[in-house]
Amino acid sequence: MSKVNSTQQLRIIGGQWRGRKFNFPSADGLRPTGDRIRETLFNWLSSDIHGARCLDLFAGSGALALEALSRGAAHVELWEANRAACQQLQNHIKTLQSQLGEQEAQLSHGDSLIKLAQHNEGAPFDIIFMDPPFAANLWETAAELLEQNNWLHPDSLIYIESPKNQLPKLPENWRNWRCKNTGQVCYQLYIAR
């Protein structure tokens, strides 16, 4: 049986859409951030998420971006290279459109590194979610491009999820604020300086 057409499900764990379930396609490297990790992450972000501008670099299932919207982020951009995942995310955003009010959700299909290599002409982001497919090893390149092209401001928060045995080398001016391990996954929150 082919996994290409099968779907999985994620559940929003907090905010206005708490308990709501969303489908996402099964695809190589597409692994949503688990409930426990998301709960910890959004506890860390509890005083920063409301009204924040967020960028989900490798949106995948949309777990982090949808959770951020559910908890009151003002503007969320989702970038995703997988066409099927992108189409499903577009459907989710359309479904939620009437409930977003003043909130904005923008979805972009394509390679995140190509987008990051361009100078950001808009406002820098308050919170960046960086949880790429682990096998692609994109953390260090993405971090470097975030620094170079006006994507961050001083005090931007950068969330990184990686294998525990494959911690990326990140810019020296990023201060590790929070760090936790669950199973084989390390998740960390950095503050840009």
Protein backbone atom coordinates (compact mmCIF):
# COMPACT_ATOMS: atom_id res chain seq x y z
CA MET A 1 0.00 0.00 0.00
CA SER A 2 1.39 3.41 -1.00
CA LYS A 3 1.91 5.97 1.74
CA VAL A 4 1.67 8.86 -0.75
CA ASN A 5 -2.12 9.06 -0.55
CA SER A 6 -2.52 8.21 3.14
CA THR A 7 -3.12 10.85 5.77
CA GLN A 8 -2.31 11.39 9.42
CA GLN A 9 -3.91 13.65 11.98
CA LEU A 10 -2.74 16.27 14.45
CA ARG A 11 -4.65 17.91 17.27
CA ILE A 12 -4.39 21.52 18.42
CA ILE A 13 -3.63 21.42 22.14
CA GLY A 14 -4.34 25.00 23.28
CA GLY A 15 -6.02 28.28 22.49
CA GLN A 16 -9.24 28.98 20.62
CA TRP A 17 -9.08 25.79 18.52
CA ARG A 18 -8.06 23.48 21.35
CA GLY A 19 -9.03 19.89 20.54
CA ARG A 20 -9.60 20.61 16.84
CA LYS A 21 -8.10 17.97 14.53
CA PHE A 22 -6.42 18.53 11.18
CA ASN A 23 -5.34 15.98 8.58
CA PHE A 24 -1.99 16.10 6.83
CA PRO A 25 -0.48 13.85 4.17
CA SER A 26 2.07 11.16 4.93
CA ALA A 27 5.35 12.08 3.25
CA ASP A 28 9.05 11.45 3.74
CA GLY A 29 10.47 13.76 6.40
CA LEU A 30 7.06 15.14 7.38
CA ARG A 31 6.90 14.65 11.12
CA PRO A 32 4.69 16.96 13.20
CA THR A 33 5.98 18.23 16.52
CA GLY A 34 4.41 16.00 19.15
CA ASP A 35 1.78 17.15 21.64
CA ARG A 36 4.09 17.07 24.66
CA ILE A 37 6.82 19.04 22.93
CA ARG A 38 4.29 21.59 21.60
CA GLU A 39 2.80 22.00 25.06
CA THR A 40 6.23 22.72 26.54
CA LEU A 41 7.19 25.04 23.69
CA PHE A 42 4.03 27.10 23.93
CA ASN A 43 4.36 27.29 27.71
CA TRP A 44 7.81 28.79 27.06
CA LEU A 45 6.22 31.22 24.57
CA SER A 46 3.13 32.02 26.66
CA SER A 47 4.08 35.65 27.33
CA ASP A 48 5.34 36.24 23.77
CA ILE A 49 2.89 34.52 21.41
CA HIS A 50 -0.11 36.87 21.61
CA GLY A 51 0.17 39.45 18.84
CA ALA A 52 3.47 38.01 17.55
CA ARG A 53 4.69 37.84 13.96
CA CYS A 54 5.71 34.21 13.36
CA LEU A 55 7.49 32.38 10.55
CA ASP A 56 7.26 28.60 10.23
CA LEU A 57 10.16 27.84 7.87
CA PHE A 58 9.39 24.18 7.20
CA ALA A 59 5.66 24.07 7.98
CA GLY A 60 4.99 20.42 7.09
CA SER A 61 1.79 19.43 8.91
CA GLY A 62 1.30 23.00 10.13
CA ALA A 63 1.34 21.91 13.78
CA LEU A 64 3.48 24.82 15.02
CA ALA A 65 1.88 27.53 12.86
CA LEU A 66 -1.70 26.44 13.58
CA GLU A 67 -0.93 26.19 17.30
CA ALA A 68 0.55 29.72 17.20
CA LEU A 69 -2.61 31.07 15.49
CA SER A 70 -4.83 29.24 17.95
CA ARG A 71 -2.96 30.92 20.80
CA GLY A 72 -3.26 34.46 19.41
CA ALA A 73 -0.32 35.12 17.08
CA ALA A 74 -1.19 38.15 14.91
CA HIS A 75 0.60 37.08 11.73
CA VAL A 76 1.90 33.66 10.74
CA GLU A 77 3.74 32.78 7.55
CA LEU A 78 3.99 29.11 6.63
CA TRP A 79 6.62 28.00 4.11
CA GLU A 80 6.48 24.47 2.76
CA ALA A 81 8.22 22.70 -0.14
CA ASN A 82 6.02 19.57 -0.30
CA ARG A 83 3.15 20.25 -2.71
CA ALA A 84 0.65 17.85 -1.06
CA ALA A 85 1.37 19.26 2.41
CA CYS A 86 1.07 22.79 1.04
CA GLN A 87 -2.33 22.02 -0.52
CA GLN A 88 -3.59 20.56 2.75
CA LEU A 89 -2.36 23.62 4.67
CA GLN A 90 -4.17 25.86 2.17
CA ASN A 91 -7.39 23.94 2.88
CA HIS A 92 -6.89 24.38 6.64
CA ILE A 93 -6.34 28.12 6.27
CA LYS A 94 -9.48 28.44 4.12
CA THR A 95 -11.48 26.52 6.73
CA LEU A 96 -10.23 28.81 9.51
CA GLN A 97 -10.47 32.08 7.55
CA SER A 98 -13.77 33.16 9.12
CA GLN A 99 -12.36 32.57 12.61
CA LEU A 100 -9.09 34.44 12.12
CA GLY A 101 -10.55 37.94 12.58
CA GLU A 102 -7.60 40.36 12.55
CA GLN A 103 -5.08 37.51 12.44
CA GLU A 104 -3.26 36.74 9.20
CA ALA A 105 -2.04 33.42 7.85
CA GLN A 106 0.03 33.41 4.66
CA LEU A 107 1.16 30.21 2.97
CA SER A 108 4.00 30.01 0.49
CA HIS A 109 5.03 26.94 -1.53
CA GLY A 110 8.71 26.53 -2.31
CA ASP A 111 12.21 26.06 -0.97
CA SER A 112 12.66 27.89 2.34
CA LEU A 113 16.39 28.37 1.85
CA ILE A 114 15.82 30.16 -1.46
CA LYS A 115 13.29 32.44 0.25
CA LEU A 116 15.64 33.09 3.19
CA ALA A 117 18.48 33.99 0.81
CA GLN A 118 16.45 37.03 -0.30
CA HIS A 119 16.56 40.19 1.77
CA ASN A 120 13.40 40.53 3.88
CA GLU A 121 11.76 43.81 2.89
CA GLY A 122 9.02 43.47 5.53
CA ALA A 123 9.19 43.65 9.31
CA PRO A 124 11.44 41.09 11.00
CA PHE A 125 9.72 38.20 12.78
CA ASP A 126 9.23 37.87 16.53
CA ILE A 127 9.21 34.06 16.54
CA ILE A 128 10.77 31.64 14.05
CA PHE A 129 9.94 27.93 14.05
CA MET A 130 12.74 25.83 12.54
CA ASP A 131 11.85 22.15 12.44
CA PRO A 132 13.04 20.85 9.04
CA PRO A 133 13.08 17.22 7.93
CA PHE A 134 15.91 15.87 10.06
CA ALA A 135 17.64 14.02 7.19
CA ALA A 136 17.96 17.25 5.18
CA ASN A 137 20.30 18.87 7.76
CA LEU A 138 19.12 22.44 7.02
CA TRP A 139 19.52 24.10 10.45
CA GLU A 140 22.90 25.77 10.05
CA THR A 141 22.26 27.17 6.55
CA ALA A 142 18.83 28.44 7.56
CA ALA A 143 20.23 30.06 10.72
CA GLU A 144 22.95 31.81 8.74
CA LEU A 145 20.43 33.16 6.21
CA LEU A 146 18.07 34.33 8.97
CA GLU A 147 20.96 36.37 10.38
CA GLN A 148 22.12 37.84 7.08
CA ASN A 149 18.86 38.99 5.49
CA ASN A 150 16.80 41.00 8.00
CA TRP A 151 14.50 38.18 9.12
CA LEU A 152 15.31 38.73 12.83
CA HIS A 153 15.34 41.65 15.23
CA PRO A 154 17.17 41.78 18.56
CA ASP A 155 15.13 39.55 20.89
CA SER A 156 13.55 37.43 18.14
CA LEU A 157 12.88 33.94 19.48
CA ILE A 158 14.05 31.00 17.38
CA TYR A 159 12.71 27.51 18.07
CA ILE A 160 14.91 24.64 16.87
CA GLU A 161 13.97 20.96 16.83
CA SER A 162 16.68 18.44 15.94
CA PRO A 163 17.90 14.94 16.76
CA LYS A 164 19.58 14.79 20.16
CA ASN A 165 22.77 13.43 18.56
CA GLN A 166 22.85 16.07 15.78
CA LEU A 167 22.86 19.48 17.46
CA PRO A 168 23.46 22.24 14.90
CA LYS A 169 26.14 24.90 15.19
CA LEU A 170 24.22 28.18 15.44
CA PRO A 171 25.22 31.86 15.31
CA GLU A 172 27.25 32.96 18.33
CA ASN A 173 24.90 35.84 19.07
CA TRP A 174 21.98 33.45 19.62
CA ARG A 175 21.58 32.80 23.33
CA ASN A 176 20.15 29.42 24.32
CA TRP A 177 17.23 30.28 26.58
CA ARG A 178 15.48 26.93 26.97
CA CYS A 179 16.47 23.36 26.11
CA LYS A 180 14.84 20.00 26.64
CA ASN A 181 15.14 16.43 25.34
CA THR A 182 12.32 13.97 24.72
CA GLY A 183 13.35 10.56 23.43
CA GLN A 184 15.75 11.15 20.54
CA VAL A 185 14.60 14.76 19.95
CA CYS A 186 16.22 17.91 21.33
CA TYR A 187 14.14 21.07 21.26
CA GLN A 188 15.56 24.46 22.08
CA LEU A 189 14.51 28.08 22.20
CA TYR A 190 17.08 30.74 21.36
CA ILE A 191 17.02 34.53 21.65
CA ALA A 192 18.74 36.54 18.91
CA ARG A 193 21.00 39.31 20.20
